Amino acid sequence: MEPKVGGKMKFSFRKEENNEYRQGNTHEGTITEFILNKKISYTWEDSNEPDFPRTVVTWELEEIENTKTSLKLRHAGFKAGEKAKQYDEGWSHFLGQLAKYCEKRK
């Protein structure tokens, strides 16, 4: 990730198959908003799906206590019913993994 407006971002996900990790989906985009330690927005593109809609992911961070941060994630741009459920499930999974990671880092 290039942390600046106009910078590029790329997420590569691995998936487990037969107890081995293999390359999964890759998503790329361009950062459209960047406020250090507060907010980042970027386009979300899926090169494996040519008809994928133009969507935007936004992460908003707010310090709520000395060692705690509130995170709001929004993935917007889907038409009603259009892959939204699939992405809701995916983000829920990965945010759960992020929470576990943060707990271990305390």
Protein backbone atom coordinates (compact mmCIF):
# COMPACT_ATOMS: atom_id res chain seq x y z
CA MET A 1 0.00 0.00 0.00
CA GLU A 2 1.24 3.46 -0.88
CA PRO A 3 -0.16 5.63 1.97
CA LYS A 4 -1.14 8.74 -0.01
CA VAL A 5 -4.00 9.96 -2.20
CA GLY A 6 -3.43 8.47 -5.64
CA GLY A 7 -1.31 5.67 -4.17
CA LYS A 8 -1.94 2.07 -5.09
CA MET A 9 -3.15 -0.67 -2.78
CA LYS A 10 -3.25 -4.43 -3.23
CA PHE A 11 -4.64 -7.19 -1.03
CA SER A 12 -3.77 -10.80 -1.74
CA PHE A 13 -5.72 -13.44 0.11
CA ARG A 14 -4.58 -16.98 0.67
CA LYS A 15 -6.95 -19.89 1.05
CA GLU A 16 -6.39 -23.22 2.67
CA GLU A 17 -6.80 -26.34 0.56
CA ASN A 18 -5.83 -29.79 1.86
CA ASN A 19 -3.97 -28.22 4.81
CA GLU A 20 -1.87 -26.06 2.45
CA TYR A 21 -2.20 -22.37 1.71
CA ARG A 22 -2.64 -21.37 -1.92
CA GLN A 23 -2.96 -18.00 -3.59
CA GLY A 24 -6.57 -16.83 -3.46
CA ASN A 25 -8.11 -13.63 -4.77
CA THR A 26 -6.18 -10.43 -5.33
CA HIS A 27 -7.87 -7.04 -5.13
CA GLU A 28 -6.30 -3.78 -6.25
CA GLY A 29 -7.29 -0.16 -6.14
CA THR A 30 -6.30 3.47 -5.82
CA ILE A 31 -6.35 5.45 -2.59
CA THR A 32 -8.91 8.25 -2.84
CA GLU A 33 -8.67 9.64 0.70
CA PHE A 34 -5.93 9.39 3.30
CA ILE A 35 -5.90 11.01 6.73
CA LEU A 36 -3.09 9.56 8.86
CA ASN A 37 -4.41 7.50 11.80
CA LYS A 38 -8.00 8.57 11.01
CA LYS A 39 -9.30 7.47 7.62
CA ILE A 40 -8.43 5.72 4.39
CA SER A 41 -10.63 5.13 1.35
CA TYR A 42 -9.71 3.27 -1.80
CA THR A 43 -11.32 1.80 -4.87
CA TRP A 44 -11.74 -1.98 -4.84
CA GLU A 45 -11.27 -3.82 -8.10
CA ASP A 46 -11.43 -7.53 -8.84
CA SER A 47 -9.45 -8.43 -11.95
CA ASN A 48 -10.98 -11.93 -11.93
CA GLU A 49 -14.45 -10.50 -12.47
CA PRO A 50 -14.70 -8.23 -15.53
CA ASP A 51 -18.21 -6.99 -14.59
CA PHE A 52 -17.29 -6.17 -11.00
CA PRO A 53 -18.91 -2.85 -10.01
CA ARG A 54 -16.84 0.20 -9.02
CA THR A 55 -16.80 0.02 -5.24
CA VAL A 56 -15.03 1.96 -2.52
CA VAL A 57 -13.76 0.67 0.83
CA THR A 58 -13.46 3.13 3.71
CA TRP A 59 -11.81 2.51 7.08
CA GLU A 60 -12.43 5.10 9.80
CA LEU A 61 -10.43 4.97 13.04
CA GLU A 62 -11.18 6.79 16.26
CA GLU A 63 -9.23 6.52 19.50
CA ILE A 64 -11.79 5.84 22.23
CA GLU A 65 -9.42 5.14 25.11
CA ASN A 66 -5.70 5.27 25.61
CA THR A 67 -5.23 1.73 24.27
CA LYS A 68 -8.47 1.22 22.31
CA THR A 69 -9.56 2.24 18.84
CA SER A 70 -12.99 2.16 17.23
CA LEU A 71 -12.99 0.93 13.63
CA LYS A 72 -15.79 1.53 11.13
CA LEU A 73 -15.51 -0.24 7.79
CA ARG A 74 -17.79 0.49 4.84
CA HIS A 75 -17.66 -1.17 1.43
CA ALA A 76 -20.01 0.84 -0.80
CA GLY A 77 -21.05 0.76 -4.42
CA PHE A 78 -22.91 -2.53 -4.73
CA LYS A 79 -26.39 -2.65 -6.16
CA ALA A 80 -28.99 -4.30 -3.93
CA GLY A 81 -28.18 -7.99 -3.60
CA GLU A 82 -25.16 -7.74 -5.89
CA LYS A 83 -22.33 -9.61 -4.14
CA ALA A 84 -22.93 -7.49 -1.02
CA LYS A 85 -23.69 -10.54 1.14
CA GLN A 86 -20.53 -12.31 -0.04
CA TYR A 87 -18.43 -9.28 0.86
CA ASP A 88 -20.21 -8.76 4.19
CA GLU A 89 -19.28 -12.32 5.12
CA GLY A 90 -15.70 -11.85 3.92
CA TRP A 91 -15.15 -8.59 5.78
CA SER A 92 -16.72 -10.06 8.94
CA HIS A 93 -14.28 -12.95 8.77
CA PHE A 94 -11.21 -10.79 8.19
CA LEU A 95 -12.18 -8.19 10.80
CA GLY A 96 -12.50 -11.05 13.28
CA GLN A 97 -8.99 -12.16 12.33
CA LEU A 98 -7.74 -8.58 12.76
CA ALA A 99 -9.28 -8.40 16.23
CA LYS A 100 -7.55 -11.66 17.22
CA TYR A 101 -4.25 -10.35 15.89
CA CYS A 102 -4.59 -7.10 17.85
CA GLU A 103 -5.43 -8.96 21.06
CA LYS A 104 -2.24 -11.01 20.75
CA ARG A 105 -0.18 -7.82 20.23
CA LYS A 106 -1.21 -6.27 23.57
